[in-house]
Amino acid sequence: MLALTMGEPAGIGAEIAVKAWHALRATGPAFLLLDDADRIAGAPVQRITAPAEARFAEALPVLHRPLPTPATPGRPSVATAPAVIAAIREAVALAQSGAVDGVVTNPIQKSVLTAAGFAHPGHTEFLGELAGTGVPPVMMLACPQLRVVPVTVHEPLARAIARLTPELIVEHARITHDALVRDFGIATPRLAVAGLNPHAGEAGTLGHEDQAIVAPAVAQLKALGIAATGPWPPDTMFTAHARPLYDAAICLYHDQALIPIKTLDMAGGVNVTLGLSIIRTSPDHGTALDIAGKGVASAESLIAAIRLAAQLADHRRNRR
């Protein structure tokens, strides 16, 4: 059993949760929803007080958490922000207690939470506070064809490049390596570290960063016994020929990681947080306020996130 958070109440979270239940009710993985049960439409609802009560095949299990004010599709309200945050906290607590196997988070509207005083840039950092293990939480985007990990994430490109160091790359790669072993069941993960400049710097003629920053990081990883290669030319490392040669790509900035995976599988991509004491996945899309309440939102990414969370939980459990 997994715990699914409500996400932004004015977004598509409740709608895709219902669609995911219809798709998975007969086969699983089973999940419960932390949300206001009175606003769930399109599926039979089972109000539960604990995960053990859930009868997933019969109805969508909901831990009823009333919103302080009704949600209007497409129009987020700061008034609902405390309920959104509380749902994340509760889902994490359920996973930490062993009552559920992992957490799947519906998308949040960061601007609304920030306006309500939320002190974190997003889900990843908040989850690191709630369920950290002493290492920084790391974002992975995964689909059947590709796994990517950005070393720098939501910051201007000039600042991201200025922050790059061999140590930062090594830290992200080590966390990725450990997660691939523990949660993905890959005994000896192969990591491909992307270069920064065109053609990975062309031996220094197109920039010095690949020789001065990326290559030393790869050397350190190899010295640690990690099967790392690079720097890879970023323009060729995501081709159909190259992807089978590694288990995850360590990318240096946001778009270098997200453009290839969203091009390959926009609907089926999953956000996975590495370095936590719990399993956490999320669909790789936003709140979709523009289509909320219209019944047209796709649940494909959420279904993929639920399935992957269950697989990761199985791998982690089998390693204990």
C-alpha atoms as a PDB file:
ATOM      1  CA  MET A   1       0.000   0.000   0.000  1.00  0.00           C
ATOM      2  CA  LEU A   2       1.269   3.446  -0.986  1.00  0.00           C
ATOM      3  CA  ALA A   3       0.199   6.885   0.259  1.00  0.00           C
ATOM      4  CA  LEU A   4      -0.782   9.460  -2.399  1.00  0.00           C
ATOM      5  CA  THR A   5      -0.924  13.108  -1.335  1.00  0.00           C
ATOM      6  CA  MET A   6      -3.576  15.560  -2.491  1.00  0.00           C
ATOM      7  CA  GLY A   7      -1.197  18.021  -4.149  1.00  0.00           C
ATOM      8  CA  GLU A   8      -2.648  21.388  -5.174  1.00  0.00           C
ATOM      9  CA  PRO A   9      -6.430  21.100  -4.611  1.00  0.00           C
ATOM     10  CA  ALA A  10      -7.176  23.462  -7.512  1.00  0.00           C
ATOM     11  CA  GLY A  11      -5.114  21.318  -9.870  1.00  0.00           C
ATOM     12  CA  ILE A  12      -5.606  17.907 -11.417  1.00  0.00           C
ATOM     13  CA  GLY A  13      -4.499  15.795  -8.447  1.00  0.00           C
ATOM     14  CA  ALA A  14      -7.887  14.438  -7.404  1.00  0.00           C
ATOM     15  CA  GLU A  15      -8.911  13.823 -11.013  1.00  0.00           C
ATOM     16  CA  ILE A  16      -5.844  11.792 -11.916  1.00  0.00           C
ATOM     17  CA  ALA A  17      -6.007   9.931  -8.589  1.00  0.00           C
ATOM     18  CA  VAL A  18      -9.467   8.679  -9.564  1.00  0.00           C
ATOM     19  CA  LYS A  19      -8.232   7.705 -13.038  1.00  0.00           C
ATOM     20  CA  ALA A  20      -5.272   5.890 -11.505  1.00  0.00           C
ATOM     21  CA  TRP A  21      -7.595   3.951  -9.202  1.00  0.00           C
ATOM     22  CA  HIS A  22      -9.730   2.840 -12.160  1.00  0.00           C
ATOM     23  CA  ALA A  23      -6.573   1.709 -14.002  1.00  0.00           C
ATOM     24  CA  LEU A  24      -5.034  -0.139 -11.047  1.00  0.00           C
ATOM     25  CA  ARG A  25      -7.960  -1.367  -8.955  1.00  0.00           C
ATOM     26  CA  ALA A  26      -7.842  -4.909 -10.342  1.00  0.00           C
ATOM     27  CA  THR A  27      -4.070  -5.367 -10.492  1.00  0.00           C
ATOM     28  CA  GLY A  28      -2.544  -2.872  -8.078  1.00  0.00           C
ATOM     29  CA  PRO A  29      -0.324  -1.456  -6.818  1.00  0.00           C
ATOM     30  CA  ALA A  30      -2.789  -0.342  -4.152  1.00  0.00           C
ATOM     31  CA  PHE A  31      -2.721   3.188  -2.798  1.00  0.00           C
ATOM     32  CA  LEU A  32      -4.656   5.397  -0.440  1.00  0.00           C
ATOM     33  CA  LEU A  33      -5.330   9.094  -0.962  1.00  0.00           C
ATOM     34  CA  LEU A  34      -4.900  11.808   1.655  1.00  0.00           C
ATOM     35  CA  ASP A  35      -7.518  14.335   0.601  1.00  0.00           C
ATOM     36  CA  ASP A  36     -10.937  15.792   1.294  1.00  0.00           C
ATOM     37  CA  ALA A  37     -13.217  12.820   0.600  1.00  0.00           C
ATOM     38  CA  ASP A  38     -16.175  15.112  -0.071  1.00  0.00           C
ATOM     39  CA  ARG A  39     -14.568  16.481  -3.233  1.00  0.00           C
ATOM     40  CA  ILE A  40     -13.658  13.125  -4.832  1.00  0.00           C
ATOM     41  CA  ALA A  41     -15.874  12.351  -7.818  1.00  0.00           C
ATOM     42  CA  GLY A  42     -15.895   9.625 -10.417  1.00  0.00           C
ATOM     43  CA  ALA A  43     -15.119   6.646  -8.176  1.00  0.00           C
ATOM     44  CA  PRO A  44     -16.597   4.969  -5.107  1.00  0.00           C
ATOM     45  CA  VAL A  45     -14.844   6.267  -1.993  1.00  0.00           C
ATOM     46  CA  GLN A  46     -13.983   4.301   1.140  1.00  0.00           C
ATOM     47  CA  ARG A  47     -13.303   6.601   4.074  1.00  0.00           C
ATOM     48  CA  ILE A  48     -10.635   5.005   6.219  1.00  0.00           C
ATOM     49  CA  THR A  49      -8.890   5.907   9.458  1.00  0.00           C
ATOM     50  CA  ALA A  50      -5.817   3.726   8.880  1.00  0.00           C
ATOM     51  CA  PRO A  51      -4.144   2.092   5.851  1.00  0.00           C
ATOM     52  CA  ALA A  52      -4.941  -1.424   7.090  1.00  0.00           C
ATOM     53  CA  GLU A  53      -8.667  -0.750   6.570  1.00  0.00           C
ATOM     54  CA  ALA A  54      -8.310  -0.149   2.826  1.00  0.00           C
ATOM     55  CA  ARG A  55     -10.224  -2.360   0.387  1.00  0.00           C
ATOM     56  CA  PHE A  56      -8.593  -1.039  -2.751  1.00  0.00           C
ATOM     57  CA  ALA A  57     -10.311  -3.307  -5.273  1.00  0.00           C
ATOM     58  CA  GLU A  58     -13.734  -2.127  -4.081  1.00  0.00           C
ATOM     59  CA  ALA A  59     -13.245   1.620  -3.698  1.00  0.00           C
ATOM     60  CA  LEU A  60     -10.675   4.402  -3.586  1.00  0.00           C
ATOM     61  CA  PRO A  61      -9.454   4.494   0.038  1.00  0.00           C
ATOM     62  CA  VAL A  62      -9.319   8.055   1.358  1.00  0.00           C
ATOM     63  CA  LEU A  63      -7.921   9.330   4.631  1.00  0.00           C
ATOM     64  CA  HIS A  64     -10.408  12.182   4.910  1.00  0.00           C
ATOM     65  CA  ARG A  65      -8.606  15.462   5.507  1.00  0.00           C
ATOM     66  CA  PRO A  66     -11.136  18.276   5.038  1.00  0.00           C
ATOM     67  CA  LEU A  67     -10.062  21.421   3.257  1.00  0.00           C
ATOM     68  CA  PRO A  68     -10.723  24.671   5.150  1.00  0.00           C
ATOM     69  CA  THR A  69     -12.422  26.096   2.065  1.00  0.00           C
ATOM     70  CA  PRO A  70     -13.752  24.452  -1.118  1.00  0.00           C
ATOM     71  CA  ALA A  71     -11.222  24.235  -3.946  1.00  0.00           C
ATOM     72  CA  THR A  72     -12.094  25.840  -7.273  1.00  0.00           C
ATOM     73  CA  PRO A  73     -10.473  24.140 -10.292  1.00  0.00           C
ATOM     74  CA  GLY A  74      -7.857  26.377 -11.852  1.00  0.00           C
ATOM     75  CA  ARG A  75      -7.925  28.913  -9.018  1.00  0.00           C
ATOM     76  CA  PRO A  76      -5.489  28.011  -6.227  1.00  0.00           C
ATOM     77  CA  SER A  77      -5.967  29.559  -2.802  1.00  0.00           C
ATOM     78  CA  VAL A  78      -3.472  30.229  -0.047  1.00  0.00           C
ATOM     79  CA  ALA A  79      -6.175  29.070   2.375  1.00  0.00           C
ATOM     80  CA  THR A  80      -5.651  25.442   1.341  1.00  0.00           C
ATOM     81  CA  ALA A  81      -1.854  25.535   1.632  1.00  0.00           C
ATOM     82  CA  PRO A  82      -1.716  24.237   5.243  1.00  0.00           C
ATOM     83  CA  ALA A  83      -3.763  21.174   4.223  1.00  0.00           C
ATOM     84  CA  VAL A  84      -1.429  20.481   1.293  1.00  0.00           C
ATOM     85  CA  ILE A  85       1.635  20.655   3.538  1.00  0.00           C
ATOM     86  CA  ALA A  86      -0.040  18.557   6.251  1.00  0.00           C
ATOM     87  CA  ALA A  87      -0.836  15.811   3.726  1.00  0.00           C
ATOM     88  CA  ILE A  88       2.846  15.557   2.784  1.00  0.00           C
ATOM     89  CA  ARG A  89       3.892  15.416   6.432  1.00  0.00           C
ATOM     90  CA  GLU A  90       1.342  12.717   7.208  1.00  0.00           C
ATOM     91  CA  ALA A  91       2.227  10.603   4.181  1.00  0.00           C
ATOM     92  CA  VAL A  92       5.912  10.689   5.141  1.00  0.00           C
ATOM     93  CA  ALA A  93       5.048   9.760   8.735  1.00  0.00           C
ATOM     94  CA  LEU A  94       2.992   6.795   7.505  1.00  0.00           C
ATOM     95  CA  ALA A  95       5.949   5.594   5.430  1.00  0.00           C
ATOM     96  CA  GLN A  96       8.400   6.082   8.285  1.00  0.00           C
ATOM     97  CA  SER A  97       6.179   4.035  10.594  1.00  0.00           C
ATOM     98  CA  GLY A  98       5.868   1.218   8.061  1.00  0.00           C
ATOM     99  CA  ALA A  99       2.121   1.679   7.697  1.00  0.00           C
ATOM    100  CA  VAL A 100       2.640   2.269   3.949  1.00  0.00           C
ATOM    101  CA  ASP A 101       5.438   1.168   1.637  1.00  0.00           C
ATOM    102  CA  GLY A 102       6.169   4.572   0.151  1.00  0.00           C
ATOM    103  CA  VAL A 103       4.868   7.995  -0.803  1.00  0.00           C
ATOM    104  CA  VAL A 104       3.658   9.277  -4.162  1.00  0.00           C
ATOM    105  CA  THR A 105       3.113  13.024  -4.271  1.00  0.00           C
ATOM    106  CA  ASN A 106       0.665  14.817  -6.502  1.00  0.00           C
ATOM    107  CA  PRO A 107       2.031  18.121  -7.910  1.00  0.00           C
ATOM    108  CA  ILE A 108       2.011  21.207  -5.699  1.00  0.00           C
ATOM    109  CA  GLN A 109       1.694  24.862  -6.676  1.00  0.00           C
ATOM    110  CA  LYS A 110       4.932  26.230  -5.240  1.00  0.00           C
ATOM    111  CA  SER A 111       3.959  29.888  -5.560  1.00  0.00           C
ATOM    112  CA  VAL A 112       0.878  29.318  -3.393  1.00  0.00           C
ATOM    113  CA  LEU A 113       2.811  27.482  -0.698  1.00  0.00           C
ATOM    114  CA  THR A 114       5.497  30.177  -0.717  1.00  0.00           C
ATOM    115  CA  ALA A 115       2.847  32.845  -0.239  1.00  0.00           C
ATOM    116  CA  ALA A 116       1.612  30.861   2.773  1.00  0.00           C
ATOM    117  CA  GLY A 117       5.079  30.878   4.345  1.00  0.00           C
ATOM    118  CA  PHE A 118       6.407  27.541   3.080  1.00  0.00           C
ATOM    119  CA  ALA A 119      10.176  27.797   3.535  1.00  0.00           C
ATOM    120  CA  HIS A 120      11.297  25.242   0.945  1.00  0.00           C
ATOM    121  CA  PRO A 121      11.868  25.629  -2.821  1.00  0.00           C
ATOM    122  CA  GLY A 122       9.823  22.495  -3.496  1.00  0.00           C
ATOM    123  CA  HIS A 123       8.915  18.943  -2.587  1.00  0.00           C
ATOM    124  CA  THR A 124      12.456  17.582  -2.723  1.00  0.00           C
ATOM    125  CA  GLU A 125      13.902  19.921  -0.112  1.00  0.00           C
ATOM    126  CA  PHE A 126      10.898  19.520   2.207  1.00  0.00           C
ATOM    127  CA  LEU A 127      11.137  15.738   1.980  1.00  0.00           C
ATOM    128  CA  GLY A 128      14.839  15.995   2.769  1.00  0.00           C
ATOM    129  CA  GLU A 129      13.933  17.754   6.002  1.00  0.00           C
ATOM    130  CA  LEU A 130      11.246  15.225   6.899  1.00  0.00           C
ATOM    131  CA  ALA A 131      12.987  12.010   5.843  1.00  0.00           C
ATOM    132  CA  GLY A 132      16.630  12.843   5.268  1.00  0.00           C
ATOM    133  CA  THR A 133      19.492  10.416   5.816  1.00  0.00           C
ATOM    134  CA  GLY A 134      22.370  12.830   6.252  1.00  0.00           C
ATOM    135  CA  VAL A 135      22.949  13.301   2.527  1.00  0.00           C
ATOM    136  CA  PRO A 136      21.317  15.920   0.283  1.00  0.00           C
ATOM    137  CA  PRO A 137      18.147  14.669  -1.422  1.00  0.00           C
ATOM    138  CA  VAL A 138      18.787  14.144  -5.118  1.00  0.00           C
ATOM    139  CA  MET A 139      16.296  14.345  -7.971  1.00  0.00           C
ATOM    140  CA  MET A 140      16.136  11.560 -10.517  1.00  0.00           C
ATOM    141  CA  LEU A 141      13.836  11.499 -13.543  1.00  0.00           C
ATOM    142  CA  ALA A 142      13.145   7.997 -14.791  1.00  0.00           C
ATOM    143  CA  CYS A 143      11.323   6.306 -17.636  1.00  0.00           C
ATOM    144  CA  PRO A 144      11.815   2.863 -19.174  1.00  0.00           C
ATOM    145  CA  GLN A 145      14.375   4.191 -21.677  1.00  0.00           C
ATOM    146  CA  LEU A 146      16.423   6.530 -19.491  1.00  0.00           C
ATOM    147  CA  ARG A 147      17.320   7.667 -15.963  1.00  0.00           C
ATOM    148  CA  VAL A 148      18.820  11.129 -15.478  1.00  0.00           C
ATOM    149  CA  VAL A 149      20.082  12.993 -12.405  1.00  0.00           C
ATOM    150  CA  PRO A 150      20.737  16.754 -12.624  1.00  0.00           C
ATOM    151  CA  VAL A 151      23.603  17.926 -10.406  1.00  0.00           C
ATOM    152  CA  THR A 152      22.180  21.457 -10.345  1.00  0.00           C
ATOM    153  CA  VAL A 153      18.458  21.977 -10.634  1.00  0.00           C
ATOM    154  CA  HIS A 154      16.294  25.087 -10.318  1.00  0.00           C
ATOM    155  CA  GLU A 155      18.722  27.964 -10.746  1.00  0.00           C
ATOM    156  CA  PRO A 156      19.896  30.216 -13.568  1.00  0.00           C
ATOM    157  CA  LEU A 157      22.298  28.504 -15.942  1.00  0.00           C
ATOM    158  CA  ALA A 158      25.194  30.911 -15.253  1.00  0.00           C
ATOM    159  CA  ARG A 159      24.882  30.269 -11.518  1.00  0.00           C
ATOM    160  CA  ALA A 160      24.564  26.520 -12.043  1.00  0.00           C
ATOM    161  CA  ILE A 161      27.802  26.403 -14.043  1.00  0.00           C
ATOM    162  CA  ALA A 162      29.594  28.563 -11.471  1.00  0.00           C
ATOM    163  CA  ARG A 163      28.568  26.114  -8.721  1.00  0.00           C
ATOM    164  CA  LEU A 164      29.953  23.027 -10.446  1.00  0.00           C
ATOM    165  CA  THR A 165      32.850  21.326  -8.668  1.00  0.00           C
ATOM    166  CA  PRO A 166      34.250  17.788  -8.805  1.00  0.00           C
ATOM    167  CA  GLU A 167      32.989  17.303  -5.251  1.00  0.00           C
ATOM    168  CA  LEU A 168      29.411  18.269  -6.147  1.00  0.00           C
ATOM    169  CA  ILE A 169      29.376  15.858  -9.084  1.00  0.00           C
ATOM    170  CA  VAL A 170      30.861  13.055  -6.985  1.00  0.00           C
ATOM    171  CA  GLU A 171      28.313  13.611  -4.214  1.00  0.00           C
ATOM    172  CA  HIS A 172      25.362  13.317  -6.593  1.00  0.00           C
ATOM    173  CA  ALA A 173      26.887  10.339  -8.371  1.00  0.00           C
ATOM    174  CA  ARG A 174      27.530   8.462  -5.114  1.00  0.00           C
ATOM    175  CA  ILE A 175      23.960   9.003  -3.916  1.00  0.00           C
ATOM    176  CA  THR A 176      22.704   7.861  -7.313  1.00  0.00           C
ATOM    177  CA  HIS A 177      24.927   4.777  -7.252  1.00  0.00           C
ATOM    178  CA  ASP A 178      23.728   3.770  -3.787  1.00  0.00           C
ATOM    179  CA  ALA A 179      20.067   4.238  -4.750  1.00  0.00           C
ATOM    180  CA  LEU A 180      20.473   2.188  -7.915  1.00  0.00           C
ATOM    181  CA  VAL A 181      21.848  -0.672  -5.825  1.00  0.00           C
ATOM    182  CA  ARG A 182      19.388  -0.432  -2.930  1.00  0.00           C
ATOM    183  CA  ASP A 183      16.163   0.596  -4.639  1.00  0.00           C
ATOM    184  CA  PHE A 184      16.534  -0.385  -8.297  1.00  0.00           C
ATOM    185  CA  GLY A 185      18.213  -3.735  -7.706  1.00  0.00           C
ATOM    186  CA  ILE A 186      21.214  -3.011  -9.967  1.00  0.00           C
ATOM    187  CA  ALA A 187      24.236  -4.775  -8.487  1.00  0.00           C
ATOM    188  CA  THR A 188      26.911  -2.764 -10.316  1.00  0.00           C
ATOM    189  CA  PRO A 189      25.444   0.479 -11.655  1.00  0.00           C
ATOM    190  CA  ARG A 190      27.084   2.132 -14.645  1.00  0.00           C
ATOM    191  CA  LEU A 191      27.080   5.922 -14.489  1.00  0.00           C
ATOM    192  CA  ALA A 192      27.650   8.161 -17.517  1.00  0.00           C
ATOM    193  CA  VAL A 193      28.750  11.651 -16.512  1.00  0.00           C
ATOM    194  CA  ALA A 194      27.833  14.301 -19.058  1.00  0.00           C
ATOM    195  CA  GLY A 195      30.247  16.922 -20.256  1.00  0.00           C
ATOM    196  CA  LEU A 196      29.414  20.594 -20.020  1.00  0.00           C
ATOM    197  CA  ASN A 197      30.668  22.066 -23.260  1.00  0.00           C
ATOM    198  CA  PRO A 198      30.022  21.048 -26.889  1.00  0.00           C
ATOM    199  CA  HIS A 199      31.784  17.740 -27.617  1.00  0.00           C
ATOM    200  CA  ALA A 200      32.765  17.604 -23.907  1.00  0.00           C
ATOM    201  CA  GLY A 201      35.156  20.508 -24.460  1.00  0.00           C
ATOM    202  CA  GLU A 202      37.022  19.111 -27.490  1.00  0.00           C
ATOM    203  CA  ALA A 203      40.215  18.528 -25.444  1.00  0.00           C
ATOM    204  CA  GLY A 204      40.032  22.028 -23.998  1.00  0.00           C
ATOM    205  CA  THR A 205      39.514  23.935 -27.218  1.00  0.00           C
ATOM    206  CA  LEU A 206      35.818  24.531 -26.428  1.00  0.00           C
ATOM    207  CA  GLY A 207      36.155  25.302 -22.730  1.00  0.00           C
ATOM    208  CA  HIS A 208      38.185  24.097 -19.776  1.00  0.00           C
ATOM    209  CA  GLU A 209      35.426  22.863 -17.453  1.00  0.00           C
ATOM    210  CA  ASP A 210      35.326  19.313 -18.768  1.00  0.00           C
ATOM    211  CA  GLN A 211      39.044  18.812 -18.124  1.00  0.00           C
ATOM    212  CA  ALA A 212      39.167  20.801 -14.893  1.00  0.00           C
ATOM    213  CA  ILE A 213      35.896  19.738 -13.237  1.00  0.00           C
ATOM    214  CA  VAL A 214      34.183  16.774 -14.880  1.00  0.00           C
ATOM    215  CA  ALA A 215      37.173  14.534 -15.637  1.00  0.00           C
ATOM    216  CA  PRO A 216      38.535  14.759 -12.060  1.00  0.00           C
ATOM    217  CA  ALA A 217      35.090  13.848 -10.722  1.00  0.00           C
ATOM    218  CA  VAL A 218      34.991  10.749 -12.935  1.00  0.00           C
ATOM    219  CA  ALA A 219      38.488   9.811 -11.745  1.00  0.00           C
ATOM    220  CA  GLN A 220      37.408  10.128  -8.098  1.00  0.00           C
ATOM    221  CA  LEU A 221      34.351   7.957  -8.716  1.00  0.00           C
ATOM    222  CA  LYS A 222      36.478   5.275 -10.350  1.00  0.00           C
ATOM    223  CA  ALA A 223      38.840   5.363  -7.367  1.00  0.00           C
ATOM    224  CA  LEU A 224      35.820   4.695  -5.138  1.00  0.00           C
ATOM    225  CA  GLY A 225      35.030   1.578  -7.152  1.00  0.00           C
ATOM    226  CA  ILE A 226      32.068   3.113  -8.999  1.00  0.00           C
ATOM    227  CA  ALA A 227      31.681   2.241 -12.679  1.00  0.00           C
ATOM    228  CA  ALA A 228      31.674   5.815 -13.962  1.00  0.00           C
ATOM    229  CA  THR A 229      32.633   7.050 -17.419  1.00  0.00           C
ATOM    230  CA  GLY A 230      32.894  10.502 -18.936  1.00  0.00           C
ATOM    231  CA  PRO A 231      32.797  13.268 -19.663  1.00  0.00           C
ATOM    232  CA  TRP A 232      30.373  12.164 -22.379  1.00  0.00           C
ATOM    233  CA  PRO A 233      29.584  14.528 -25.283  1.00  0.00           C
ATOM    234  CA  PRO A 234      26.098  15.712 -24.324  1.00  0.00           C
ATOM    235  CA  ASP A 235      24.852  15.769 -27.921  1.00  0.00           C
ATOM    236  CA  THR A 236      25.332  12.023 -28.429  1.00  0.00           C
ATOM    237  CA  MET A 237      24.968  10.386 -25.006  1.00  0.00           C
ATOM    238  CA  PHE A 238      21.175  10.184 -25.158  1.00  0.00           C
ATOM    239  CA  THR A 239      20.899   8.436 -28.514  1.00  0.00           C
ATOM    240  CA  ALA A 240      19.337   4.993 -28.852  1.00  0.00           C
ATOM    241  CA  HIS A 241      22.820   3.547 -29.399  1.00  0.00           C
ATOM    242  CA  ALA A 242      24.331   5.173 -26.291  1.00  0.00           C
ATOM    243  CA  ARG A 243      21.575   4.725 -23.694  1.00  0.00           C
ATOM    244  CA  PRO A 244      22.054   0.951 -23.209  1.00  0.00           C
ATOM    245  CA  LEU A 245      25.669   1.582 -22.198  1.00  0.00           C
ATOM    246  CA  TYR A 246      24.777   3.068 -18.787  1.00  0.00           C
ATOM    247  CA  ASP A 247      22.164   2.789 -16.039  1.00  0.00           C
ATOM    248  CA  ALA A 248      21.906   6.491 -15.225  1.00  0.00           C
ATOM    249  CA  ALA A 249      23.186   9.741 -16.700  1.00  0.00           C
ATOM    250  CA  ILE A 250      24.665  12.289 -14.304  1.00  0.00           C
ATOM    251  CA  CYS A 251      23.845  15.611 -15.928  1.00  0.00           C
ATOM    252  CA  LEU A 252      25.258  18.986 -14.978  1.00  0.00           C
ATOM    253  CA  TYR A 253      22.221  21.252 -15.197  1.00  0.00           C
ATOM    254  CA  HIS A 254      18.444  21.091 -15.332  1.00  0.00           C
ATOM    255  CA  ASP A 255      17.712  21.161 -19.047  1.00  0.00           C
ATOM    256  CA  GLN A 256      20.591  18.852 -19.946  1.00  0.00           C
ATOM    257  CA  ALA A 257      18.764  16.179 -17.924  1.00  0.00           C
ATOM    258  CA  LEU A 258      15.118  17.005 -18.512  1.00  0.00           C
ATOM    259  CA  ILE A 259      15.064  17.716 -22.252  1.00  0.00           C
ATOM    260  CA  PRO A 260      16.075  14.174 -23.302  1.00  0.00           C
ATOM    261  CA  ILE A 261      13.792  12.353 -20.883  1.00  0.00           C
ATOM    262  CA  LYS A 262      10.771  14.527 -21.658  1.00  0.00           C
ATOM    263  CA  THR A 263      11.431  14.118 -25.359  1.00  0.00           C
ATOM    264  CA  LEU A 264      11.591  10.350 -24.988  1.00  0.00           C
ATOM    265  CA  ASP A 265       8.607   9.912 -22.657  1.00  0.00           C
ATOM    266  CA  MET A 266       6.793  13.075 -21.582  1.00  0.00           C
ATOM    267  CA  ALA A 267       3.746  11.184 -20.334  1.00  0.00           C
ATOM    268  CA  GLY A 268       5.512   8.323 -18.584  1.00  0.00           C
ATOM    269  CA  GLY A 269       8.371  10.092 -16.832  1.00  0.00           C
ATOM    270  CA  VAL A 270       8.601   9.789 -13.054  1.00  0.00           C
ATOM    271  CA  ASN A 271      10.326  12.010 -10.507  1.00  0.00           C
ATOM    272  CA  VAL A 272      12.170   9.956  -7.863  1.00  0.00           C
ATOM    273  CA  THR A 273      13.824  11.465  -4.787  1.00  0.00           C
ATOM    274  CA  LEU A 274      17.061   9.672  -3.915  1.00  0.00           C
ATOM    275  CA  GLY A 275      18.806   9.775  -0.551  1.00  0.00           C
ATOM    276  CA  LEU A 276      15.674   9.547   1.638  1.00  0.00           C
ATOM    277  CA  SER A 277      14.803   7.049   4.352  1.00  0.00           C
ATOM    278  CA  ILE A 278      11.542   6.382   2.493  1.00  0.00           C
ATOM    279  CA  ILE A 279      10.479   5.736  -1.087  1.00  0.00           C
ATOM    280  CA  ARG A 280       9.102   8.803  -2.837  1.00  0.00           C
ATOM    281  CA  THR A 281       8.004   9.254  -6.434  1.00  0.00           C
ATOM    282  CA  SER A 282       5.902  11.822  -8.250  1.00  0.00           C
ATOM    283  CA  PRO A 283       4.485  12.342 -11.729  1.00  0.00           C
ATOM    284  CA  ASP A 284       6.805  14.428 -13.870  1.00  0.00           C
ATOM    285  CA  HIS A 285       4.368  17.253 -14.555  1.00  0.00           C
ATOM    286  CA  GLY A 286       2.792  20.196 -12.804  1.00  0.00           C
ATOM    287  CA  THR A 287      -0.628  21.059 -11.438  1.00  0.00           C
ATOM    288  CA  ALA A 288      -2.103  21.769 -14.917  1.00  0.00           C
ATOM    289  CA  LEU A 289      -4.370  24.536 -13.657  1.00  0.00           C
ATOM    290  CA  ASP A 290      -5.409  25.337 -17.219  1.00  0.00           C
ATOM    291  CA  ILE A 291      -7.188  21.987 -17.635  1.00  0.00           C
ATOM    292  CA  ALA A 292      -8.190  21.285 -14.029  1.00  0.00           C
ATOM    293  CA  GLY A 293     -11.806  20.260 -13.670  1.00  0.00           C
ATOM    294  CA  LYS A 294     -12.268  19.565 -17.384  1.00  0.00           C
ATOM    295  CA  GLY A 295     -11.841  15.805 -17.179  1.00  0.00           C
ATOM    296  CA  VAL A 296      -9.100  15.666 -19.810  1.00  0.00           C
ATOM    297  CA  ALA A 297      -5.972  15.283 -17.676  1.00  0.00           C
ATOM    298  CA  SER A 298      -3.895  12.165 -18.311  1.00  0.00           C
ATOM    299  CA  ALA A 299      -3.051   9.940 -15.353  1.00  0.00           C
ATOM    300  CA  GLU A 300      -0.298   8.114 -17.263  1.00  0.00           C
ATOM    301  CA  SER A 301       2.602   9.715 -15.380  1.00  0.00           C
ATOM    302  CA  LEU A 302       0.900   9.229 -12.003  1.00  0.00           C
ATOM    303  CA  ILE A 303       0.249   5.565 -12.789  1.00  0.00           C
ATOM    304  CA  ALA A 304       3.916   5.177 -13.750  1.00  0.00           C
ATOM    305  CA  ALA A 305       4.925   6.866 -10.480  1.00  0.00           C
ATOM    306  CA  ILE A 306       2.734   4.510  -8.445  1.00  0.00           C
ATOM    307  CA  ARG A 307       4.085   1.442 -10.219  1.00  0.00           C
ATOM    308  CA  LEU A 308       7.691   2.557  -9.852  1.00  0.00           C
ATOM    309  CA  ALA A 309       7.232   3.370  -6.148  1.00  0.00           C
ATOM    310  CA  ALA A 310       5.929  -0.153  -5.555  1.00  0.00           C
ATOM    311  CA  GLN A 311       8.874  -1.663  -7.452  1.00  0.00           C
ATOM    312  CA  LEU A 312      11.400   0.396  -5.500  1.00  0.00           C
ATOM    313  CA  ALA A 313       9.753  -0.546  -2.206  1.00  0.00           C
ATOM    314  CA  ASP A 314       9.985  -4.223  -3.153  1.00  0.00           C
ATOM    315  CA  HIS A 315      13.686  -3.919  -3.992  1.00  0.00           C
ATOM    316  CA  ARG A 316      14.438  -2.074  -0.748  1.00  0.00           C
ATOM    317  CA  ARG A 317      12.459  -4.566   1.317  1.00  0.00           C
ATOM    318  CA  ASN A 318      14.222  -7.533  -0.290  1.00  0.00           C
ATOM    319  CA  ARG A 319      17.643  -6.099   0.595  1.00  0.00           C
ATOM    320  CA  ARG A 320      16.892  -5.962   4.320  1.00  0.00           C
END
